[in-house]
Protein backbone atom coordinates (compact mmCIF):
# COMPACT_ATOMS: atom_id res chain seq x y z
CA MET A 1 119.78 -26.75 -143.45
CA ALA A 2 117.88 -30.01 -142.98
CA LYS A 3 119.76 -32.70 -141.01
CA VAL A 4 120.08 -35.71 -143.31
CA SER A 5 119.75 -39.28 -141.26
CA LYS A 6 122.51 -41.80 -141.35
CA LYS A 7 120.14 -44.16 -142.63
CA PHE A 8 119.22 -41.83 -145.76
CA GLN A 9 122.71 -41.25 -146.42
CA ALA A 10 123.34 -44.86 -146.65
CA ALA A 11 120.64 -45.53 -149.00
CA SER A 12 121.54 -42.60 -150.95
CA LYS A 13 125.26 -44.20 -151.70
CA LEU A 14 123.56 -46.87 -153.25
CA VAL A 15 121.82 -44.85 -156.16
CA ASP A 16 124.10 -43.16 -158.95
CA ARG A 17 122.44 -39.77 -159.19
CA GLN A 18 123.91 -39.21 -162.71
CA ARG A 19 122.73 -42.72 -163.88
CA ARG A 20 119.19 -43.60 -165.52
CA TYR A 21 118.42 -47.10 -164.60
CA SER A 22 116.58 -49.80 -166.33
CA MET A 23 113.24 -50.87 -165.14
CA GLN A 24 114.48 -54.15 -163.99
CA GLU A 25 117.70 -52.66 -162.23
CA ALA A 26 115.65 -49.70 -160.56
CA PHE A 27 112.86 -52.09 -159.05
CA ALA A 28 115.72 -54.27 -157.83
CA LEU A 29 117.19 -51.56 -156.04
CA VAL A 30 114.11 -50.32 -154.46
CA PRO A 31 114.13 -52.66 -151.40
CA ARG A 32 117.58 -51.66 -150.45
CA THR A 33 116.82 -48.15 -150.50
CA ARG A 34 114.01 -48.31 -147.84
CA ILE A 35 114.98 -46.52 -144.58
CA SER A 36 112.24 -47.34 -141.82
CA SER A 37 112.16 -50.75 -140.64
CA LYS A 38 109.08 -49.80 -138.61
CA PHE A 39 106.50 -49.60 -141.37
CA ASP A 40 105.88 -51.00 -144.85
CA GLU A 41 107.00 -48.09 -147.07
CA THR A 42 105.08 -47.09 -150.04
CA VAL A 43 106.57 -46.85 -153.43
CA ASP A 44 105.93 -43.79 -155.57
CA ILE A 45 106.46 -43.20 -159.04
CA ALA A 46 106.88 -39.77 -160.59
CA VAL A 47 106.32 -39.30 -164.23
CA ARG A 48 107.22 -35.85 -165.84
CA LEU A 49 105.34 -35.39 -168.90
CA GLY A 50 105.65 -32.97 -171.96
CA VAL A 51 102.43 -31.09 -171.50
CA ASP A 52 101.41 -27.81 -170.38
CA PRO A 53 98.39 -28.27 -167.85
CA LYS A 54 97.43 -24.68 -168.04
CA HIS A 55 95.70 -25.76 -171.52
CA ALA A 56 92.79 -27.47 -170.87
CA ASP A 57 93.33 -29.87 -173.80
CA GLN A 58 96.64 -31.16 -172.15
CA MET A 59 95.29 -31.86 -168.79
CA VAL A 60 96.15 -35.45 -168.10
CA ARG A 61 93.96 -37.22 -165.73
CA GLY A 62 92.48 -40.64 -165.14
CA ALA A 63 92.28 -43.79 -162.94
CA VAL A 64 94.30 -47.00 -163.23
CA ASN A 65 93.36 -50.44 -161.79
CA LEU A 66 96.85 -51.68 -160.37
CA PRO A 67 97.05 -55.64 -161.05
CA HIS A 68 98.61 -56.17 -157.57
CA GLY A 69 96.82 -53.29 -155.68
CA THR A 70 98.27 -50.61 -153.49
CA GLY A 71 98.55 -52.42 -150.48
CA LYS A 72 96.59 -49.76 -148.58
CA THR A 73 93.45 -49.99 -146.96
CA VAL A 74 91.08 -47.56 -148.71
CA ARG A 75 88.03 -46.09 -147.12
CA VAL A 76 85.25 -45.47 -149.40
CA ALA A 77 82.22 -43.28 -149.24
CA VAL A 78 79.13 -43.45 -151.36
CA PHE A 79 76.52 -40.76 -152.00
CA ALA A 80 73.48 -42.63 -153.04
CA LYS A 81 69.88 -43.66 -152.18
CA GLY A 82 67.67 -46.65 -152.36
CA ASP A 83 69.06 -49.54 -154.46
CA LYS A 84 72.04 -47.86 -155.07
CA ALA A 85 72.97 -47.32 -151.63
CA ARG A 86 72.24 -50.94 -150.73
CA GLU A 87 74.42 -51.93 -153.69
CA ALA A 88 77.25 -49.82 -152.38
CA GLN A 89 76.91 -51.27 -149.10
CA GLU A 90 77.02 -54.83 -150.22
CA ALA A 91 80.05 -53.97 -152.17
CA GLY A 92 81.98 -53.10 -148.71
CA ALA A 93 81.73 -49.28 -148.94
CA ASP A 94 82.64 -47.93 -145.51
CA VAL A 95 79.98 -44.92 -145.44
CA VAL A 96 76.80 -44.41 -147.60
CA GLY A 97 74.37 -41.71 -147.48
CA ALA A 98 72.68 -38.91 -149.20
CA GLU A 99 71.65 -35.59 -147.35
CA ASP A 100 72.49 -36.92 -144.21
CA LEU A 101 76.44 -37.75 -145.35
CA VAL A 102 76.43 -34.23 -146.86
CA GLN A 103 75.28 -32.45 -143.60
CA ARG A 104 77.67 -34.68 -141.74
CA ILE A 105 80.37 -33.23 -143.80
CA GLN A 106 79.30 -29.71 -143.47
CA ASN A 107 78.34 -29.62 -140.10
CA GLU A 108 80.72 -32.03 -138.28
CA GLY A 109 83.59 -32.01 -140.73
CA PHE A 110 83.57 -35.62 -141.00
CA LEU A 111 86.12 -36.80 -143.60
CA ASP A 112 87.07 -40.21 -142.62
CA PHE A 113 87.39 -41.69 -146.07
CA ASP A 114 89.96 -41.70 -148.99
CA ALA A 115 87.65 -41.90 -152.04
CA ALA A 116 84.16 -40.98 -152.69
CA VAL A 117 81.82 -42.30 -155.10
CA ALA A 118 78.40 -40.50 -156.25
CA THR A 119 75.41 -41.40 -158.33
CA PRO A 120 74.79 -38.72 -161.05
CA ASP A 121 71.58 -37.95 -159.56
CA MET A 122 73.27 -36.87 -156.18
CA MET A 123 75.96 -34.53 -157.82
CA GLY A 124 73.56 -31.49 -157.26
CA LEU A 125 73.53 -32.30 -153.34
CA VAL A 126 77.35 -33.32 -153.59
CA GLY A 127 78.00 -29.85 -155.37
CA ARG A 128 77.30 -28.24 -152.12
CA ILE A 129 80.42 -29.57 -150.52
CA GLY A 130 82.60 -29.14 -153.45
CA ARG A 131 84.76 -26.65 -151.59
CA ILE A 132 85.44 -29.20 -148.73
CA LEU A 133 86.00 -32.16 -151.21
CA GLY A 134 87.83 -30.63 -153.91
CA PRO A 135 91.08 -29.25 -152.21
CA ARG A 136 91.42 -32.84 -150.61
CA GLY A 137 91.06 -34.86 -153.81
CA LEU A 138 87.85 -36.29 -152.93
CA MET A 139 85.34 -34.68 -155.07
CA PRO A 140 83.65 -37.42 -157.48
CA ASN A 141 84.33 -36.97 -161.13
CA PRO A 142 82.81 -38.69 -164.09
CA LYS A 143 86.33 -38.56 -165.92
CA VAL A 144 87.72 -40.91 -163.54
CA GLY A 145 84.65 -43.23 -162.90
CA THR A 146 83.41 -42.08 -159.42
CA VAL A 147 80.41 -40.32 -160.86
CA THR A 148 78.53 -43.62 -161.86
CA THR A 149 75.54 -45.73 -161.61
CA GLU A 150 77.65 -48.72 -161.25
CA VAL A 151 78.61 -47.83 -157.70
CA ALA A 152 79.02 -51.51 -156.71
CA LYS A 153 81.88 -51.89 -159.34
CA ALA A 154 83.37 -48.34 -158.32
CA VAL A 155 83.50 -49.38 -155.13
CA ARG A 156 85.26 -52.63 -155.54
CA GLU A 157 87.53 -51.19 -157.95
CA LEU A 158 88.75 -48.38 -155.37
CA LYS A 159 89.15 -51.01 -152.55
CA GLY A 160 91.09 -53.29 -154.91
CA GLY A 161 93.83 -51.11 -155.93
CA ARG A 162 92.47 -48.32 -158.29
CA VAL A 163 94.66 -45.16 -158.03
CA GLU A 164 93.44 -41.87 -159.45
CA PHE A 165 96.06 -39.11 -160.84
CA ARG A 166 96.14 -35.82 -162.26
CA VAL A 167 99.03 -33.88 -163.71
CA GLU A 168 100.45 -31.09 -161.57
CA LYS A 169 101.27 -27.86 -162.88
CA ALA A 170 104.86 -28.74 -163.43
CA GLY A 171 103.63 -31.24 -165.76
CA ILE A 172 104.41 -34.19 -163.24
CA VAL A 173 102.10 -37.39 -162.49
CA HIS A 174 102.69 -38.82 -158.85
CA ALA A 175 101.06 -41.87 -157.66
CA PRO A 176 101.62 -44.74 -155.32
CA ILE A 177 102.36 -48.29 -156.94
CA GLY A 178 102.61 -50.34 -154.14
CA LYS A 179 104.41 -51.29 -151.11
CA VAL A 180 108.16 -52.24 -150.57
CA SER A 181 107.26 -55.91 -149.42
CA PHE A 182 105.43 -56.22 -152.95
CA GLY A 183 108.99 -57.29 -154.26
CA PRO A 184 110.62 -55.81 -157.19
CA GLN A 185 108.26 -58.10 -160.10
CA LYS A 186 104.93 -56.67 -158.73
CA LEU A 187 105.80 -53.23 -158.43
CA GLN A 188 107.19 -53.09 -161.76
CA ASP A 189 103.72 -54.78 -163.11
CA ASN A 190 102.12 -51.88 -161.22
CA ALA A 191 104.42 -49.08 -162.85
CA ARG A 192 103.96 -50.82 -166.47
CA ALA A 193 100.02 -50.40 -165.87
CA LEU A 194 100.08 -46.79 -164.86
CA LEU A 195 102.54 -45.88 -167.64
CA GLU A 196 100.73 -47.79 -170.34
CA LEU A 197 97.65 -45.74 -169.40
CA LEU A 198 99.62 -42.49 -169.53
CA ILE A 199 100.70 -43.19 -172.94
CA LYS A 200 97.17 -43.89 -174.20
CA LEU A 201 95.99 -40.61 -172.52
CA LYS A 202 98.53 -38.53 -174.34
CA PRO A 203 96.95 -35.31 -175.49
CA SER A 204 96.69 -34.82 -179.46
CA THR A 205 98.21 -31.52 -178.89
CA ALA A 206 101.10 -32.52 -176.85
CA LYS A 207 104.47 -31.63 -178.75
CA GLY A 208 107.77 -33.27 -178.55
CA GLN A 209 108.75 -35.66 -176.18
CA TYR A 210 105.88 -37.03 -174.13
CA ILE A 211 107.52 -39.32 -171.23
CA ARG A 212 110.26 -36.83 -170.14
CA SER A 213 111.33 -38.62 -167.21
CA VAL A 214 110.34 -41.17 -164.73
CA ALA A 215 111.52 -41.86 -160.98
CA ILE A 216 110.74 -44.17 -158.24
CA SER A 217 111.04 -43.55 -154.47
CA THR A 218 110.03 -45.16 -151.16
CA THR A 219 108.58 -42.95 -148.53
CA LEU A 220 111.63 -42.14 -146.90
CA GLY A 221 114.14 -43.18 -149.54
CA PRO A 222 116.22 -41.36 -152.24
CA GLY A 223 114.75 -41.13 -155.83
CA ILE A 224 115.81 -43.71 -158.46
CA LYS A 225 115.92 -42.28 -162.11
CA LEU A 226 114.68 -44.55 -165.01
CA ASP A 227 115.99 -44.62 -168.36
CA VAL A 228 113.19 -43.26 -170.44
CA ASN A 229 114.31 -45.40 -173.76
CA ASP A 230 114.38 -48.52 -171.67
CA VAL A 231 110.90 -47.92 -170.34
CA GLN A 232 109.56 -47.09 -173.77
CA GLN A 233 111.08 -50.24 -175.36
CA GLN A 234 109.85 -52.46 -172.16
CA LEU A 235 106.23 -51.10 -172.87
CA ALA A 236 106.46 -51.54 -176.66
CA ALA A 237 107.70 -55.07 -176.15
CA LYS A 238 104.66 -56.14 -174.00
């Protein structure tokens, strides 16, 4: 059995596992549940949806531009040529290339980036390394705006706090919504942006309650469960 640290035990005592907190209460509690003083812990959100991802028409995925960013430095690779390659470089892309970048990934195992963008004409080439990029969540996809002719816009959004998400087998969406240092209000704003988009993406075939549960936690801290009714009221009140 894994040993639980004293700091985690102390943080866990601050959270009532039987209680469902309002958004305001939950985000006010987040800073108190951080474990490490050595780094700025990320705050994650987990949303269980009333969907069955086994059915293609109930696969929920997308990308959200968090109003306050993620607090993380995002390294972006762009597969493009000519003017589009120059646009990507000017927008701040960390690595730009075409055949040379594909070969570098294939032959040298280069994967020193967090997100990838490609122009449509590059996808035949990028497809050759789909087995490398796909499992790591790095494959460009038109559904989340990373296969586009507007490469400069995509690069700026990714570096500015754009978060991609995809529902997992158990019907849960996990996503980072910032750092503990953001404070309760900014974290709540970011969470609201994600939740609003999830509601807009509700599949027409999804039956019953769509938002089943919501929980937030720091990187090392305990989970805090939110009151789904309060979440829906807060979103409706905006």
